[in-house]
Amino acid sequence: MSNKTEILYDLIFKSIIRILTQNNIYQLQIKTITTDTELALINSVKNNFAKSQRIGCWFHLKQDLLRETKVLGLFNIKIKIIIQK
């Protein structure tokens, strides 16, 4: 999805909730929602599912950590240390 904004996510979640409510499917409490680290998505989940706990996706967390270690130049240092041992 392009142009991911909090407003767009809000519209999507509100539409999904409306459809599920109209069809009597939205009766269970959503306890946990897993998302990536996209701020617009996180904020929208907090706004639309206030009673739910949001947790980060492990896969995306690992990707973010790997990317940051490469940007900071730490990734190559870690490999060198492992190889030297």
C-alpha atoms as a PDB file:
ATOM      1  CA  MET A   1       0.000   0.000   0.000  1.00  0.00           C
ATOM      2  CA  SER A   2       1.449   3.375  -0.949  1.00  0.00           C
ATOM      3  CA  ASN A   3       0.980   6.658   0.937  1.00  0.00           C
ATOM      4  CA  LYS A   4       0.562   4.907   4.256  1.00  0.00           C
ATOM      5  CA  THR A   5      -0.799   7.480   6.664  1.00  0.00           C
ATOM      6  CA  GLU A   6      -2.479   7.210  10.024  1.00  0.00           C
ATOM      7  CA  ILE A   7      -5.679   8.614   8.493  1.00  0.00           C
ATOM      8  CA  LEU A   8      -5.696   5.897   5.844  1.00  0.00           C
ATOM      9  CA  TYR A   9      -5.132   3.158   8.429  1.00  0.00           C
ATOM     10  CA  ASP A  10      -7.921   4.650  10.576  1.00  0.00           C
ATOM     11  CA  LEU A  11     -10.310   4.495   7.625  1.00  0.00           C
ATOM     12  CA  ILE A  12      -9.364   0.880   6.934  1.00  0.00           C
ATOM     13  CA  PHE A  13      -9.770  -0.213  10.567  1.00  0.00           C
ATOM     14  CA  LYS A  14     -13.048   1.642  11.004  1.00  0.00           C
ATOM     15  CA  SER A  15     -14.388   0.020   7.821  1.00  0.00           C
ATOM     16  CA  ILE A  16     -13.343  -3.443   8.974  1.00  0.00           C
ATOM     17  CA  ILE A  17     -14.879  -2.919  12.415  1.00  0.00           C
ATOM     18  CA  ARG A  18     -18.128  -1.606  10.839  1.00  0.00           C
ATOM     19  CA  ILE A  19     -18.397  -4.618   8.500  1.00  0.00           C
ATOM     20  CA  LEU A  20     -17.678  -7.102  11.289  1.00  0.00           C
ATOM     21  CA  THR A  21     -20.128  -5.370  13.636  1.00  0.00           C
ATOM     22  CA  GLN A  22     -22.899  -5.323  11.045  1.00  0.00           C
ATOM     23  CA  ASN A  23     -22.495  -9.058  10.487  1.00  0.00           C
ATOM     24  CA  ASN A  24     -22.339  -9.829  14.227  1.00  0.00           C
ATOM     25  CA  ILE A  25     -18.793 -11.145  13.883  1.00  0.00           C
ATOM     26  CA  TYR A  26     -17.084  -8.436  15.958  1.00  0.00           C
ATOM     27  CA  GLN A  27     -18.054  -9.776  19.368  1.00  0.00           C
ATOM     28  CA  LEU A  28     -14.733 -11.107  20.637  1.00  0.00           C
ATOM     29  CA  GLN A  29     -12.355  -8.731  22.344  1.00  0.00           C
ATOM     30  CA  ILE A  30      -9.125  -8.350  20.413  1.00  0.00           C
ATOM     31  CA  LYS A  31      -6.456  -8.863  23.053  1.00  0.00           C
ATOM     32  CA  THR A  32      -3.236  -8.534  21.054  1.00  0.00           C
ATOM     33  CA  ILE A  33      -2.320  -7.035  17.694  1.00  0.00           C
ATOM     34  CA  THR A  34       1.043  -7.658  16.074  1.00  0.00           C
ATOM     35  CA  THR A  35       2.440  -4.965  13.769  1.00  0.00           C
ATOM     36  CA  ASP A  36       5.687  -3.939  12.193  1.00  0.00           C
ATOM     37  CA  THR A  37       7.415  -0.737  13.353  1.00  0.00           C
ATOM     38  CA  GLU A  38       5.566   1.645  11.051  1.00  0.00           C
ATOM     39  CA  LEU A  39       4.536   4.617  13.197  1.00  0.00           C
ATOM     40  CA  ALA A  40       1.302   5.413  11.312  1.00  0.00           C
ATOM     41  CA  LEU A  41       0.121   1.817  11.746  1.00  0.00           C
ATOM     42  CA  ILE A  42       1.080   1.717  15.428  1.00  0.00           C
ATOM     43  CA  ASN A  43      -0.782   4.964  16.167  1.00  0.00           C
ATOM     44  CA  SER A  44      -3.847   3.820  14.267  1.00  0.00           C
ATOM     45  CA  VAL A  45      -3.926   0.500  16.122  1.00  0.00           C
ATOM     46  CA  LYS A  46      -3.710   2.381  19.435  1.00  0.00           C
ATOM     47  CA  ASN A  47      -6.567   4.685  18.369  1.00  0.00           C
ATOM     48  CA  ASN A  48      -8.890   1.994  17.043  1.00  0.00           C
ATOM     49  CA  PHE A  49      -8.112  -0.851  19.438  1.00  0.00           C
ATOM     50  CA  ALA A  50      -7.382   1.004  22.676  1.00  0.00           C
ATOM     51  CA  LYS A  51      -8.051  -2.026  24.895  1.00  0.00           C
ATOM     52  CA  SER A  52      -5.693  -4.237  22.898  1.00  0.00           C
ATOM     53  CA  GLN A  53      -2.015  -4.724  23.503  1.00  0.00           C
ATOM     54  CA  ARG A  54       0.216  -3.991  20.502  1.00  0.00           C
ATOM     55  CA  ILE A  55       3.381  -6.017  20.105  1.00  0.00           C
ATOM     56  CA  GLY A  56       6.079  -5.711  17.495  1.00  0.00           C
ATOM     57  CA  CYS A  57       6.693  -8.372  14.907  1.00  0.00           C
ATOM     58  CA  TRP A  58       9.866 -10.356  15.664  1.00  0.00           C
ATOM     59  CA  PHE A  59      10.741 -10.683  11.955  1.00  0.00           C
ATOM     60  CA  HIS A  60      10.573  -6.924  11.386  1.00  0.00           C
ATOM     61  CA  LEU A  61      12.467  -6.202  14.604  1.00  0.00           C
ATOM     62  CA  LYS A  62      15.322  -8.434  13.416  1.00  0.00           C
ATOM     63  CA  GLN A  63      15.303  -6.696  10.021  1.00  0.00           C
ATOM     64  CA  ASP A  64      15.437  -3.264  11.660  1.00  0.00           C
ATOM     65  CA  LEU A  65      18.286  -4.295  13.957  1.00  0.00           C
ATOM     66  CA  LEU A  66      20.272  -5.766  11.077  1.00  0.00           C
ATOM     67  CA  ARG A  67      19.758  -2.635   8.979  1.00  0.00           C
ATOM     68  CA  GLU A  68      20.831  -0.352  11.840  1.00  0.00           C
ATOM     69  CA  THR A  69      23.950  -2.401  12.628  1.00  0.00           C
ATOM     70  CA  LYS A  70      24.956  -2.117   8.969  1.00  0.00           C
ATOM     71  CA  VAL A  71      24.310   1.649   8.923  1.00  0.00           C
ATOM     72  CA  LEU A  72      26.396   2.103  12.075  1.00  0.00           C
ATOM     73  CA  GLY A  73      29.157  -0.134  10.732  1.00  0.00           C
ATOM     74  CA  LEU A  74      28.697  -2.633  13.563  1.00  0.00           C
ATOM     75  CA  PHE A  75      27.688  -5.563  11.380  1.00  0.00           C
ATOM     76  CA  ASN A  76      31.144  -6.012   9.863  1.00  0.00           C
ATOM     77  CA  ILE A  77      32.794  -5.704  13.278  1.00  0.00           C
ATOM     78  CA  LYS A  78      30.601  -8.506  14.646  1.00  0.00           C
ATOM     79  CA  ILE A  79      31.520 -10.800  11.755  1.00  0.00           C
ATOM     80  CA  LYS A  80      35.243 -10.086  12.206  1.00  0.00           C
ATOM     81  CA  ILE A  81      35.021 -10.886  15.932  1.00  0.00           C
ATOM     82  CA  ILE A  82      33.214 -14.168  15.270  1.00  0.00           C
ATOM     83  CA  ILE A  83      35.728 -15.174  12.581  1.00  0.00           C
ATOM     84  CA  GLN A  84      38.721 -14.388  14.817  1.00  0.00           C
ATOM     85  CA  LYS A  85      37.447 -16.613  17.642  1.00  0.00           C
END
